[in-house]
Each structure stands twice: as structure tokens, then as C-alpha cells.
């Protein structure tokens, strides 16, 4: 039995420089079972092997796609007898939203050391549960992909713009995200349509089962099960088991109101025209052709092939800090 099982993807961007240090650290710590995959498709086999050592904690070391694939396989694969071990995520991706929600930030190696320290004691006070977002086309028998944060509409276009245009420049993540945010603000507020700015969002219809429908063109669309939303939005008071939804109309005034409320820490605390908050256990997204990004992976909603989001039963995670 191992205290900690570490699942690493050497091909993730962050691991190109980090992995040699991770390997050295694990070699000196027999309480860590380290398994590396060469590609995402090997994660099922990796979890099958990891289950044999019965770890107290499963740690994922890779980018957003690695985390999403691990969560999906962990949920569907049935590799562990009974409940799977709590999951921890090293802050080693481009955005690190899940890691940040679980209190892991800064140096990934320091976070791994902290996880090992926690695993040597009683885990009870560090265990939190999170519902996941199960994304599918809604057809019977479809195997959903699981994640915790989905961006759509103008936000998805911004994420793709950042990935395809800004990241290749080799700038630090923080600066890359800032430049992408400024580009989308210029595009939206000044209604500019030029090739070097993010693409304009397409009309989207969002249906909330038993709660009506929302239609429009949105500069921001977020669905998440994380405690903390982006943009400073407050998820406090949210009911357990429901996904949190935020959309902002693609109008300059709506964007400015959202930015102002976010900077003051007031976003989500009161109703604002053009800024929409909802909760739901089933959300359907329809569009002529619009991308959404679930934990770094891209999916496309189109007429006749919608994206359906459902919340899952709670999954245990390891939280390092309050």
C-alpha cells in the first residue's frame, strides 16, 4: 500500500522542466507510487495499476486535459473497490483552476510535499466533496466527459485565442491571460472586428431544465461546480448538487457593469441587467456552431447536436488549505 499515488503526464507543458525534479523526489520517498503515461489514452491502464497499491491519495500531475481525463476515467472506470481515494491536483497547468480551488498553488513540488505530509496523518479534515460536470450530447448510452469548469461563448473564444495566438509567444501565463483579456475587452467594448482580435461569439440558447430558457450572444458564459467562480463572482448560498451558471450579454454596458462589480467583489450579490446567474442540475446548450471549453478541452455545440451538462454525485478531493 502507498500513501500517495502520483499520476504524471510527461507531455504536459509544465512537466517539461518539472518532471526531472518530481522523479528525483519520488525516488527518495518510498511512500509515493509514481506512474507516468506517454499519452492520455493510457490513463485507464494507469489507474488500474494504481488501484493495486491502494493509495490514500491520488495526485494528478499534468495539464488541464490530463486532469479531465483522469477524473473521467476515475468516475467511469470502476478501478477501485468501493470509493476511490480523494484526488489532489498539482498546480501544473495553464490555468490551475481546480488546483487553486483545492488550495494548491505556487511550486508544484512544494504542493506534492504538503500532500505527502497530509497523507501521513488523518485525512478527515482535508477531505472535501465536489460535484463534477458531466458533458455529453444527451444521447442514450453516451459516455460523458467530466470536468469542473466550462467556458463558452466569448469566453471560449478568448481561451482559444490565448491558446492559439498568445501562448506561442512564450510569455508568462499571467501576462498571457492579461493580454487575452484586454483583447476581448477591446473587441467587445469598441465592437471591433479585426483578424488579430478574438472571434466574436455566436448566438446561443441555454436551457435550464424546469427553469426556463436564456437566449442571446454572450461575452462570458461560465458553468462550474467550483466553490469560487472566475471574475470574483460569489457562489455563496449555492445549493449542493447544482451547477453554477454565469453569463454576460455581449454589450459594452453589460461588460462594464460586470467588470465594475467584479473589481469591487460584488459580482453575483445583486441582480444586474445583462448579467445572468442561475443554478441547475441539467443545462442544455444549443447553437449554430459554438465552442465550449471544459477544463481545457474543446467541444462544439451545433443545431441538432447540443451539449448537455449534468451534475454528478459528489467526488472526494483533498484540500490543502481553507
C-alpha atoms as a PDB file:
ATOM      1  CA  UNK A   1       0.000   0.000   0.000  1.00  0.00           C
ATOM      2  CA  UNK A   2       1.257   3.508  -0.872  1.00  0.00           C
ATOM      3  CA  UNK A   3       0.319   6.676   0.919  1.00  0.00           C
ATOM      4  CA  UNK A   4       0.295   8.689  -2.298  1.00  0.00           C
ATOM      5  CA  UNK A   5      -0.082   7.629  -5.945  1.00  0.00           C
ATOM      6  CA  UNK A   6       1.180  10.230  -8.399  1.00  0.00           C
ATOM      7  CA  UNK A   7      -0.073  10.120 -11.993  1.00  0.00           C
ATOM      8  CA  UNK A   8       2.148  12.205 -14.284  1.00  0.00           C
ATOM      9  CA  UNK A   9       1.859  13.147 -17.938  1.00  0.00           C
ATOM     10  CA  UNK A  10       5.398  13.972 -19.179  1.00  0.00           C
ATOM     11  CA  UNK A  11       3.970  15.619 -22.305  1.00  0.00           C
ATOM     12  CA  UNK A  12       2.130  18.383 -20.469  1.00  0.00           C
ATOM     13  CA  UNK A  13       3.803  21.770 -20.879  1.00  0.00           C
ATOM     14  CA  UNK A  14       4.561  22.287 -17.198  1.00  0.00           C
ATOM     15  CA  UNK A  15       6.257  18.894 -16.856  1.00  0.00           C
ATOM     16  CA  UNK A  16       8.902  19.595 -19.460  1.00  0.00           C
ATOM     17  CA  UNK A  17      11.015  21.313 -16.827  1.00  0.00           C
ATOM     18  CA  UNK A  18       9.393  19.991 -13.631  1.00  0.00           C
ATOM     19  CA  UNK A  19       9.334  16.244 -14.179  1.00  0.00           C
ATOM     20  CA  UNK A  20      13.053  15.513 -13.555  1.00  0.00           C
ATOM     21  CA  UNK A  21      12.712  17.074 -10.094  1.00  0.00           C
ATOM     22  CA  UNK A  22       9.486  15.150  -9.465  1.00  0.00           C
ATOM     23  CA  UNK A  23      11.179  11.879 -10.419  1.00  0.00           C
ATOM     24  CA  UNK A  24      14.096  12.617  -8.094  1.00  0.00           C
ATOM     25  CA  UNK A  25      11.748  13.479  -5.224  1.00  0.00           C
ATOM     26  CA  UNK A  26       9.671  10.325  -5.697  1.00  0.00           C
ATOM     27  CA  UNK A  27      12.793   8.138  -5.873  1.00  0.00           C
ATOM     28  CA  UNK A  28      13.704   9.339  -2.389  1.00  0.00           C
ATOM     29  CA  UNK A  29      10.215   8.798  -0.955  1.00  0.00           C
ATOM     30  CA  UNK A  30       9.017   5.158  -0.894  1.00  0.00           C
ATOM     31  CA  UNK A  31       5.598   6.352   0.288  1.00  0.00           C
ATOM     32  CA  UNK A  32       4.934   7.662  -3.246  1.00  0.00           C
ATOM     33  CA  UNK A  33       3.985   5.369  -6.134  1.00  0.00           C
ATOM     34  CA  UNK A  34       4.806   7.281  -9.311  1.00  0.00           C
ATOM     35  CA  UNK A  35       3.211   6.252 -12.618  1.00  0.00           C
ATOM     36  CA  UNK A  36       3.881   8.081 -15.890  1.00  0.00           C
ATOM     37  CA  UNK A  37       1.779   7.883 -19.041  1.00  0.00           C
ATOM     38  CA  UNK A  38       3.038   8.577 -22.538  1.00  0.00           C
ATOM     39  CA  UNK A  39      -0.369   9.683 -23.792  1.00  0.00           C
ATOM     40  CA  UNK A  40      -3.843  10.434 -22.458  1.00  0.00           C
ATOM     41  CA  UNK A  41      -5.156   7.114 -23.747  1.00  0.00           C
ATOM     42  CA  UNK A  42      -3.024   5.255 -21.186  1.00  0.00           C
ATOM     43  CA  UNK A  43      -4.757   6.784 -18.162  1.00  0.00           C
ATOM     44  CA  UNK A  44      -7.209   3.877 -17.836  1.00  0.00           C
ATOM     45  CA  UNK A  45      -4.309   1.416 -17.587  1.00  0.00           C
ATOM     46  CA  UNK A  46      -2.524   3.756 -15.177  1.00  0.00           C
ATOM     47  CA  UNK A  47      -5.482   3.865 -12.800  1.00  0.00           C
ATOM     48  CA  UNK A  48      -5.819   0.083 -12.996  1.00  0.00           C
ATOM     49  CA  UNK A  49      -2.186  -0.239 -11.835  1.00  0.00           C
ATOM     50  CA  UNK A  50      -2.543   2.487  -9.213  1.00  0.00           C
ATOM     51  CA  UNK A  51      -5.596   0.761  -7.722  1.00  0.00           C
ATOM     52  CA  UNK A  52      -3.420  -2.247  -6.887  1.00  0.00           C
ATOM     53  CA  UNK A  53      -1.301  -0.240  -4.413  1.00  0.00           C
ATOM     54  CA  UNK A  54      -4.421   1.131  -2.668  1.00  0.00           C
ATOM     55  CA  UNK A  55      -3.208   4.718  -2.142  1.00  0.00           C
ATOM     56  CA  UNK A  56      -4.703   7.039   0.467  1.00  0.00           C
ATOM     57  CA  UNK A  57      -4.495   9.938  -2.028  1.00  0.00           C
ATOM     58  CA  UNK A  58      -4.384  10.095  -5.826  1.00  0.00           C
ATOM     59  CA  UNK A  59      -2.420  13.068  -7.181  1.00  0.00           C
ATOM     60  CA  UNK A  60      -2.695  14.219 -10.792  1.00  0.00           C
ATOM     61  CA  UNK A  61       0.351  15.947 -12.273  1.00  0.00           C
ATOM     62  CA  UNK A  62      -0.362  17.320 -15.724  1.00  0.00           C
ATOM     63  CA  UNK A  63      -2.263  19.894 -17.696  1.00  0.00           C
ATOM     64  CA  UNK A  64      -5.996  20.524 -17.823  1.00  0.00           C
ATOM     65  CA  UNK A  65      -6.551  17.697 -20.310  1.00  0.00           C
ATOM     66  CA  UNK A  66      -4.752  15.211 -18.066  1.00  0.00           C
ATOM     67  CA  UNK A  67      -6.863  16.204 -15.069  1.00  0.00           C
ATOM     68  CA  UNK A  68     -10.081  15.948 -17.094  1.00  0.00           C
ATOM     69  CA  UNK A  69      -9.174  12.514 -18.484  1.00  0.00           C
ATOM     70  CA  UNK A  70      -8.198  11.233 -15.043  1.00  0.00           C
ATOM     71  CA  UNK A  71     -11.468  12.418 -13.496  1.00  0.00           C
ATOM     72  CA  UNK A  72     -13.495  10.927 -16.342  1.00  0.00           C
ATOM     73  CA  UNK A  73     -11.783   7.540 -16.093  1.00  0.00           C
ATOM     74  CA  UNK A  74     -11.864   7.582 -12.302  1.00  0.00           C
ATOM     75  CA  UNK A  75     -15.612   8.170 -12.396  1.00  0.00           C
ATOM     76  CA  UNK A  76     -16.478   5.668 -15.134  1.00  0.00           C
ATOM     77  CA  UNK A  77     -13.726   3.057 -14.888  1.00  0.00           C
ATOM     78  CA  UNK A  78     -14.578   1.344 -11.620  1.00  0.00           C
ATOM     79  CA  UNK A  79     -10.914   0.532 -10.999  1.00  0.00           C
ATOM     80  CA  UNK A  80     -11.107   0.987  -7.225  1.00  0.00           C
ATOM     81  CA  UNK A  81     -13.074  -1.245  -4.901  1.00  0.00           C
ATOM     82  CA  UNK A  82     -15.644   0.868  -3.106  1.00  0.00           C
ATOM     83  CA  UNK A  83     -14.986   4.599  -3.137  1.00  0.00           C
ATOM     84  CA  UNK A  84     -11.905   5.905  -4.989  1.00  0.00           C
ATOM     85  CA  UNK A  85      -9.233   7.756  -2.990  1.00  0.00           C
ATOM     86  CA  UNK A  86      -9.526  11.529  -2.685  1.00  0.00           C
ATOM     87  CA  UNK A  87      -7.979  13.373  -5.607  1.00  0.00           C
ATOM     88  CA  UNK A  88      -5.387  16.145  -5.350  1.00  0.00           C
ATOM     89  CA  UNK A  89      -4.179  18.233  -8.291  1.00  0.00           C
ATOM     90  CA  UNK A  90      -0.728  19.793  -8.601  1.00  0.00           C
ATOM     91  CA  UNK A  91      -0.711  23.425  -9.848  1.00  0.00           C
ATOM     92  CA  UNK A  92       0.997  22.499 -13.098  1.00  0.00           C
ATOM     93  CA  UNK A  93      -1.459  23.551 -15.829  1.00  0.00           C
ATOM     94  CA  UNK A  94      -2.003  26.793 -17.697  1.00  0.00           C
ATOM     95  CA  UNK A  95      -4.963  27.923 -15.612  1.00  0.00           C
ATOM     96  CA  UNK A  96      -4.842  25.672 -12.494  1.00  0.00           C
ATOM     97  CA  UNK A  97      -8.473  26.408 -11.585  1.00  0.00           C
ATOM     98  CA  UNK A  98      -9.075  23.033  -9.934  1.00  0.00           C
ATOM     99  CA  UNK A  99      -5.741  23.133  -8.094  1.00  0.00           C
ATOM    100  CA  UNK A 100      -6.473  26.642  -6.820  1.00  0.00           C
ATOM    101  CA  UNK A 101      -9.935  25.614  -5.651  1.00  0.00           C
ATOM    102  CA  UNK A 102      -8.268  22.841  -3.651  1.00  0.00           C
ATOM    103  CA  UNK A 103      -5.712  25.148  -2.056  1.00  0.00           C
ATOM    104  CA  UNK A 104      -2.719  24.070  -4.173  1.00  0.00           C
ATOM    105  CA  UNK A 105      -0.803  26.969  -5.675  1.00  0.00           C
ATOM    106  CA  UNK A 106       2.749  28.062  -6.308  1.00  0.00           C
ATOM    107  CA  UNK A 107       5.528  25.495  -6.674  1.00  0.00           C
ATOM    108  CA  UNK A 108       4.080  22.074  -7.675  1.00  0.00           C
ATOM    109  CA  UNK A 109       6.887  20.254  -5.843  1.00  0.00           C
ATOM    110  CA  UNK A 110       6.083  22.114  -2.624  1.00  0.00           C
ATOM    111  CA  UNK A 111       2.427  21.150  -3.084  1.00  0.00           C
ATOM    112  CA  UNK A 112       3.432  17.497  -3.516  1.00  0.00           C
ATOM    113  CA  UNK A 113       5.473  17.648  -0.306  1.00  0.00           C
ATOM    114  CA  UNK A 114       2.481  19.095   1.505  1.00  0.00           C
ATOM    115  CA  UNK A 115       0.175  16.389   0.131  1.00  0.00           C
ATOM    116  CA  UNK A 116       2.546  13.668   1.361  1.00  0.00           C
ATOM    117  CA  UNK A 117       2.669  15.302   4.780  1.00  0.00           C
ATOM    118  CA  UNK A 118      -1.140  15.406   4.956  1.00  0.00           C
ATOM    119  CA  UNK A 119      -1.398  11.773   3.789  1.00  0.00           C
ATOM    120  CA  UNK A 120       0.711  10.626   6.745  1.00  0.00           C
ATOM    121  CA  UNK A 121      -1.988  11.800   9.151  1.00  0.00           C
ATOM    122  CA  UNK A 122      -5.760  11.818   9.393  1.00  0.00           C
ATOM    123  CA  UNK A 123      -7.252  12.974   6.095  1.00  0.00           C
ATOM    124  CA  UNK A 124     -10.682  13.747   7.509  1.00  0.00           C
ATOM    125  CA  UNK A 125     -10.228  17.496   7.957  1.00  0.00           C
ATOM    126  CA  UNK A 126      -8.796  17.838   4.448  1.00  0.00           C
ATOM    127  CA  UNK A 127     -11.487  15.939   2.546  1.00  0.00           C
ATOM    128  CA  UNK A 128     -13.974  17.997   0.559  1.00  0.00           C
ATOM    129  CA  UNK A 129     -16.542  16.804  -1.936  1.00  0.00           C
ATOM    130  CA  UNK A 130     -17.221  18.356  -5.303  1.00  0.00           C
ATOM    131  CA  UNK A 131     -19.857  17.547  -7.849  1.00  0.00           C
ATOM    132  CA  UNK A 132     -18.470  17.306 -11.371  1.00  0.00           C
ATOM    133  CA  UNK A 133     -19.898  18.481 -14.685  1.00  0.00           C
ATOM    134  CA  UNK A 134     -20.764  15.566 -16.970  1.00  0.00           C
ATOM    135  CA  UNK A 135     -20.735  16.762 -20.604  1.00  0.00           C
ATOM    136  CA  UNK A 136     -22.380  14.731 -23.360  1.00  0.00           C
ATOM    137  CA  UNK A 137     -24.600  15.114 -26.404  1.00  0.00           C
ATOM    138  CA  UNK A 138     -27.518  13.873 -24.341  1.00  0.00           C
ATOM    139  CA  UNK A 139     -27.955  10.633 -26.311  1.00  0.00           C
ATOM    140  CA  UNK A 140     -28.704   7.395 -24.507  1.00  0.00           C
ATOM    141  CA  UNK A 141     -25.575   5.407 -23.728  1.00  0.00           C
ATOM    142  CA  UNK A 142     -23.199   8.337 -24.318  1.00  0.00           C
ATOM    143  CA  UNK A 143     -20.110   8.268 -22.082  1.00  0.00           C
ATOM    144  CA  UNK A 144     -19.884  11.765 -20.608  1.00  0.00           C
ATOM    145  CA  UNK A 145     -16.632  13.642 -20.225  1.00  0.00           C
ATOM    146  CA  UNK A 146     -16.173  15.031 -16.723  1.00  0.00           C
ATOM    147  CA  UNK A 147     -14.739  18.312 -15.520  1.00  0.00           C
ATOM    148  CA  UNK A 148     -15.305  21.184 -13.108  1.00  0.00           C
ATOM    149  CA  UNK A 149     -15.157  24.386 -15.187  1.00  0.00           C
ATOM    150  CA  UNK A 150     -16.722  25.168 -18.553  1.00  0.00           C
ATOM    151  CA  UNK A 151     -16.277  28.377 -20.522  1.00  0.00           C
ATOM    152  CA  UNK A 152     -18.423  29.201 -23.521  1.00  0.00           C
ATOM    153  CA  UNK A 153     -19.450  31.984 -25.902  1.00  0.00           C
ATOM    154  CA  UNK A 154     -16.972  34.886 -25.910  1.00  0.00           C
ATOM    155  CA  UNK A 155     -15.017  33.348 -23.022  1.00  0.00           C
ATOM    156  CA  UNK A 156     -14.376  30.190 -25.051  1.00  0.00           C
ATOM    157  CA  UNK A 157     -13.207  32.309 -27.988  1.00  0.00           C
ATOM    158  CA  UNK A 158     -10.872  34.140 -25.596  1.00  0.00           C
ATOM    159  CA  UNK A 159      -9.462  30.876 -24.240  1.00  0.00           C
ATOM    160  CA  UNK A 160      -8.848  29.601 -27.770  1.00  0.00           C
ATOM    161  CA  UNK A 161      -7.365  32.949 -28.812  1.00  0.00           C
ATOM    162  CA  UNK A 162      -4.998  32.820 -25.842  1.00  0.00           C
ATOM    163  CA  UNK A 163      -4.028  29.223 -26.614  1.00  0.00           C
ATOM    164  CA  UNK A 164      -3.501  29.718 -30.356  1.00  0.00           C
ATOM    165  CA  UNK A 165      -2.188  33.306 -30.534  1.00  0.00           C
ATOM    166  CA  UNK A 166      -0.702  34.296 -27.157  1.00  0.00           C
ATOM    167  CA  UNK A 167       0.813  31.140 -25.632  1.00  0.00           C
ATOM    168  CA  UNK A 168       3.066  30.532 -28.679  1.00  0.00           C
ATOM    169  CA  UNK A 169       4.795  33.845 -27.873  1.00  0.00           C
ATOM    170  CA  UNK A 170       6.338  32.153 -24.818  1.00  0.00           C
ATOM    171  CA  UNK A 171       5.151  34.794 -22.350  1.00  0.00           C
ATOM    172  CA  UNK A 172       4.440  34.033 -18.657  1.00  0.00           C
ATOM    173  CA  UNK A 173       0.955  32.647 -18.034  1.00  0.00           C
ATOM    174  CA  UNK A 174      -0.186  35.677 -16.064  1.00  0.00           C
ATOM    175  CA  UNK A 175       0.849  38.116 -18.797  1.00  0.00           C
ATOM    176  CA  UNK A 176      -0.675  35.881 -21.484  1.00  0.00           C
ATOM    177  CA  UNK A 177      -4.027  35.824 -19.680  1.00  0.00           C
ATOM    178  CA  UNK A 178      -3.913  39.605 -19.175  1.00  0.00           C
ATOM    179  CA  UNK A 179      -3.243  40.272 -22.871  1.00  0.00           C
ATOM    180  CA  UNK A 180      -6.049  37.920 -23.911  1.00  0.00           C
ATOM    181  CA  UNK A 181      -8.453  39.643 -21.504  1.00  0.00           C
ATOM    182  CA  UNK A 182      -7.509  43.064 -22.855  1.00  0.00           C
ATOM    183  CA  UNK A 183      -8.024  41.856 -26.422  1.00  0.00           C
ATOM    184  CA  UNK A 184     -11.540  40.605 -25.707  1.00  0.00           C
ATOM    185  CA  UNK A 185     -12.417  43.816 -23.835  1.00  0.00           C
ATOM    186  CA  UNK A 186     -11.306  45.928 -26.788  1.00  0.00           C
ATOM    187  CA  UNK A 187     -13.220  43.678 -29.181  1.00  0.00           C
ATOM    188  CA  UNK A 188     -16.425  43.807 -27.102  1.00  0.00           C
ATOM    189  CA  UNK A 189     -16.489  47.352 -25.759  1.00  0.00           C
ATOM    190  CA  UNK A 190     -15.460  49.001 -29.024  1.00  0.00           C
ATOM    191  CA  UNK A 191     -17.233  46.363 -31.155  1.00  0.00           C
ATOM    192  CA  UNK A 192     -14.142  45.902 -33.294  1.00  0.00           C
ATOM    193  CA  UNK A 193     -13.983  43.044 -35.830  1.00  0.00           C
ATOM    194  CA  UNK A 194     -10.369  42.566 -36.922  1.00  0.00           C
ATOM    195  CA  UNK A 195      -8.365  39.407 -37.578  1.00  0.00           C
ATOM    196  CA  UNK A 196      -5.859  39.841 -34.728  1.00  0.00           C
ATOM    197  CA  UNK A 197      -8.588  40.021 -32.035  1.00  0.00           C
ATOM    198  CA  UNK A 198     -10.669  37.106 -30.683  1.00  0.00           C
ATOM    199  CA  UNK A 199     -13.572  35.933 -32.843  1.00  0.00           C
ATOM    200  CA  UNK A 200     -16.996  37.304 -31.988  1.00  0.00           C
ATOM    201  CA  UNK A 201     -19.316  34.958 -30.110  1.00  0.00           C
ATOM    202  CA  UNK A 202     -22.268  33.346 -31.924  1.00  0.00           C
ATOM    203  CA  UNK A 203     -25.885  33.290 -30.685  1.00  0.00           C
ATOM    204  CA  UNK A 204     -26.502  30.623 -28.040  1.00  0.00           C
ATOM    205  CA  UNK A 205     -29.617  29.150 -26.477  1.00  0.00           C
ATOM    206  CA  UNK A 206     -29.202  27.846 -22.932  1.00  0.00           C
ATOM    207  CA  UNK A 207     -31.988  25.755 -21.397  1.00  0.00           C
ATOM    208  CA  UNK A 208     -32.330  25.058 -17.690  1.00  0.00           C
ATOM    209  CA  UNK A 209     -34.462  22.008 -17.028  1.00  0.00           C
ATOM    210  CA  UNK A 210     -37.572  23.112 -15.130  1.00  0.00           C
ATOM    211  CA  UNK A 211     -36.237  26.687 -15.002  1.00  0.00           C
ATOM    212  CA  UNK A 212     -36.776  28.146 -18.461  1.00  0.00           C
ATOM    213  CA  UNK A 213     -34.500  29.244 -21.264  1.00  0.00           C
ATOM    214  CA  UNK A 214     -31.952  32.009 -21.876  1.00  0.00           C
ATOM    215  CA  UNK A 215     -31.055  33.140 -25.399  1.00  0.00           C
ATOM    216  CA  UNK A 216     -28.554  35.676 -26.641  1.00  0.00           C
ATOM    217  CA  UNK A 217     -24.993  36.496 -27.613  1.00  0.00           C
ATOM    218  CA  UNK A 218     -22.755  36.440 -24.556  1.00  0.00           C
ATOM    219  CA  UNK A 219     -19.263  37.799 -23.993  1.00  0.00           C
ATOM    220  CA  UNK A 220     -18.878  35.491 -20.981  1.00  0.00           C
ATOM    221  CA  UNK A 221     -20.505  32.134 -20.262  1.00  0.00           C
ATOM    222  CA  UNK A 222     -19.354  30.027 -17.301  1.00  0.00           C
ATOM    223  CA  UNK A 223     -20.671  26.789 -15.839  1.00  0.00           C
ATOM    224  CA  UNK A 224     -18.832  25.383 -12.839  1.00  0.00           C
ATOM    225  CA  UNK A 225     -19.085  23.274  -9.715  1.00  0.00           C
ATOM    226  CA  UNK A 226     -16.110  25.020  -8.134  1.00  0.00           C
ATOM    227  CA  UNK A 227     -16.671  26.985  -4.931  1.00  0.00           C
ATOM    228  CA  UNK A 228     -15.069  30.058  -6.488  1.00  0.00           C
ATOM    229  CA  UNK A 229     -16.076  31.376  -9.886  1.00  0.00           C
ATOM    230  CA  UNK A 230     -13.815  33.433 -12.108  1.00  0.00           C
ATOM    231  CA  UNK A 231     -14.206  37.206 -12.199  1.00  0.00           C
ATOM    232  CA  UNK A 232     -14.751  37.451  -8.438  1.00  0.00           C
ATOM    233  CA  UNK A 233     -18.314  36.125  -8.612  1.00  0.00           C
ATOM    234  CA  UNK A 234     -19.667  34.861  -5.310  1.00  0.00           C
ATOM    235  CA  UNK A 235     -21.080  31.332  -5.270  1.00  0.00           C
ATOM    236  CA  UNK A 236     -22.088  31.551  -1.651  1.00  0.00           C
ATOM    237  CA  UNK A 237     -25.529  30.203  -0.854  1.00  0.00           C
ATOM    238  CA  UNK A 238     -25.431  27.848  -3.820  1.00  0.00           C
ATOM    239  CA  UNK A 239     -27.327  24.646  -3.255  1.00  0.00           C
ATOM    240  CA  UNK A 240     -25.357  21.417  -3.179  1.00  0.00           C
ATOM    241  CA  UNK A 241     -25.528  19.284  -6.297  1.00  0.00           C
ATOM    242  CA  UNK A 242     -26.295  22.183  -8.624  1.00  0.00           C
ATOM    243  CA  UNK A 243     -24.040  23.712 -11.245  1.00  0.00           C
ATOM    244  CA  UNK A 244     -23.451  27.465 -11.062  1.00  0.00           C
ATOM    245  CA  UNK A 245     -24.059  29.392 -14.291  1.00  0.00           C
ATOM    246  CA  UNK A 246     -22.932  32.922 -15.181  1.00  0.00           C
ATOM    247  CA  UNK A 247     -23.490  34.685 -18.499  1.00  0.00           C
ATOM    248  CA  UNK A 248     -22.856  38.288 -19.511  1.00  0.00           C
ATOM    249  CA  UNK A 249     -24.542  39.805 -22.570  1.00  0.00           C
ATOM    250  CA  UNK A 250     -22.189  40.872 -25.331  1.00  0.00           C
ATOM    251  CA  UNK A 251     -22.946  44.547 -24.903  1.00  0.00           C
ATOM    252  CA  UNK A 252     -20.426  47.165 -23.799  1.00  0.00           C
ATOM    253  CA  UNK A 253     -22.568  48.366 -20.887  1.00  0.00           C
ATOM    254  CA  UNK A 254     -23.120  44.836 -19.565  1.00  0.00           C
ATOM    255  CA  UNK A 255     -19.381  44.161 -19.750  1.00  0.00           C
ATOM    256  CA  UNK A 256     -18.556  47.388 -17.920  1.00  0.00           C
ATOM    257  CA  UNK A 257     -21.093  46.628 -15.164  1.00  0.00           C
ATOM    258  CA  UNK A 258     -19.666  43.129 -14.770  1.00  0.00           C
ATOM    259  CA  UNK A 259     -16.094  44.439 -14.585  1.00  0.00           C
ATOM    260  CA  UNK A 260     -17.035  47.105 -12.044  1.00  0.00           C
ATOM    261  CA  UNK A 261     -18.879  44.614  -9.813  1.00  0.00           C
ATOM    262  CA  UNK A 262     -16.005  42.138 -10.112  1.00  0.00           C
ATOM    263  CA  UNK A 263     -13.374  44.686  -9.085  1.00  0.00           C
ATOM    264  CA  UNK A 264     -15.478  45.619  -6.047  1.00  0.00           C
ATOM    265  CA  UNK A 265     -16.080  41.984  -5.114  1.00  0.00           C
ATOM    266  CA  UNK A 266     -19.839  42.460  -5.597  1.00  0.00           C
ATOM    267  CA  UNK A 267     -20.413  40.306  -8.676  1.00  0.00           C
ATOM    268  CA  UNK A 268     -23.293  37.925  -8.050  1.00  0.00           C
ATOM    269  CA  UNK A 269     -24.580  39.665  -4.928  1.00  0.00           C
ATOM    270  CA  UNK A 270     -27.418  41.502  -6.651  1.00  0.00           C
ATOM    271  CA  UNK A 271     -29.371  41.381  -9.896  1.00  0.00           C
ATOM    272  CA  UNK A 272     -27.888  43.349 -12.792  1.00  0.00           C
ATOM    273  CA  UNK A 273     -29.371  43.861 -16.233  1.00  0.00           C
ATOM    274  CA  UNK A 274     -27.378  41.882 -18.773  1.00  0.00           C
ATOM    275  CA  UNK A 275     -25.630  39.722 -16.149  1.00  0.00           C
ATOM    276  CA  UNK A 276     -27.319  36.362 -15.568  1.00  0.00           C
ATOM    277  CA  UNK A 277     -26.869  33.956 -12.643  1.00  0.00           C
ATOM    278  CA  UNK A 278     -28.594  30.586 -12.499  1.00  0.00           C
ATOM    279  CA  UNK A 279     -28.237  27.195 -10.838  1.00  0.00           C
ATOM    280  CA  UNK A 280     -29.303  23.868 -12.282  1.00  0.00           C
ATOM    281  CA  UNK A 281     -28.708  20.139 -12.344  1.00  0.00           C
ATOM    282  CA  UNK A 282     -29.201  19.875 -16.129  1.00  0.00           C
ATOM    283  CA  UNK A 283     -28.170  22.549 -18.625  1.00  0.00           C
ATOM    284  CA  UNK A 284     -28.539  22.295 -22.426  1.00  0.00           C
ATOM    285  CA  UNK A 285     -26.510  24.488 -24.801  1.00  0.00           C
ATOM    286  CA  UNK A 286     -27.668  24.926 -28.420  1.00  0.00           C
ATOM    287  CA  UNK A 287     -26.031  26.984 -31.155  1.00  0.00           C
ATOM    288  CA  UNK A 288     -25.437  27.055 -34.894  1.00  0.00           C
ATOM    289  CA  UNK A 289     -21.793  26.305 -34.151  1.00  0.00           C
ATOM    290  CA  UNK A 290     -20.265  27.479 -30.907  1.00  0.00           C
ATOM    291  CA  UNK A 291     -17.270  26.166 -28.959  1.00  0.00           C
ATOM    292  CA  UNK A 292     -17.172  25.473 -25.250  1.00  0.00           C
ATOM    293  CA  UNK A 293     -14.049  24.607 -23.274  1.00  0.00           C
ATOM    294  CA  UNK A 294     -14.308  22.114 -20.409  1.00  0.00           C
ATOM    295  CA  UNK A 295     -11.140  22.137 -18.292  1.00  0.00           C
ATOM    296  CA  UNK A 296      -9.026  22.979 -21.326  1.00  0.00           C
ATOM    297  CA  UNK A 297     -10.673  20.599 -23.818  1.00  0.00           C
ATOM    298  CA  UNK A 298     -12.778  21.966 -26.701  1.00  0.00           C
ATOM    299  CA  UNK A 299     -16.279  20.749 -27.613  1.00  0.00           C
ATOM    300  CA  UNK A 300     -18.676  22.182 -30.196  1.00  0.00           C
ATOM    301  CA  UNK A 301     -22.427  22.690 -29.882  1.00  0.00           C
ATOM    302  CA  UNK A 302     -24.397  22.803 -33.123  1.00  0.00           C
ATOM    303  CA  UNK A 303     -28.029  22.605 -34.210  1.00  0.00           C
ATOM    304  CA  UNK A 304     -29.209  19.034 -33.786  1.00  0.00           C
ATOM    305  CA  UNK A 305     -26.136  18.209 -31.720  1.00  0.00           C
ATOM    306  CA  UNK A 306     -26.434  20.151 -28.464  1.00  0.00           C
ATOM    307  CA  UNK A 307     -24.178  19.973 -25.452  1.00  0.00           C
ATOM    308  CA  UNK A 308     -25.895  18.664 -22.337  1.00  0.00           C
ATOM    309  CA  UNK A 309     -24.400  19.257 -18.896  1.00  0.00           C
ATOM    310  CA  UNK A 310     -25.432  17.329 -15.799  1.00  0.00           C
ATOM    311  CA  UNK A 311     -24.029  17.390 -12.294  1.00  0.00           C
ATOM    312  CA  UNK A 312     -22.664  14.142 -10.859  1.00  0.00           C
ATOM    313  CA  UNK A 313     -22.849  12.719  -7.335  1.00  0.00           C
ATOM    314  CA  UNK A 314     -20.108  14.086  -5.039  1.00  0.00           C
ATOM    315  CA  UNK A 315     -16.498  13.015  -5.624  1.00  0.00           C
ATOM    316  CA  UNK A 316     -13.897  13.272  -2.787  1.00  0.00           C
ATOM    317  CA  UNK A 317     -10.942  15.663  -3.190  1.00  0.00           C
ATOM    318  CA  UNK A 318      -8.038  16.604  -0.956  1.00  0.00           C
ATOM    319  CA  UNK A 319      -7.972  20.277   0.008  1.00  0.00           C
ATOM    320  CA  UNK A 320      -4.665  21.649   1.279  1.00  0.00           C
ATOM    321  CA  UNK A 321      -5.869  24.973   2.635  1.00  0.00           C
ATOM    322  CA  UNK A 322      -9.074  26.687   3.639  1.00  0.00           C
END
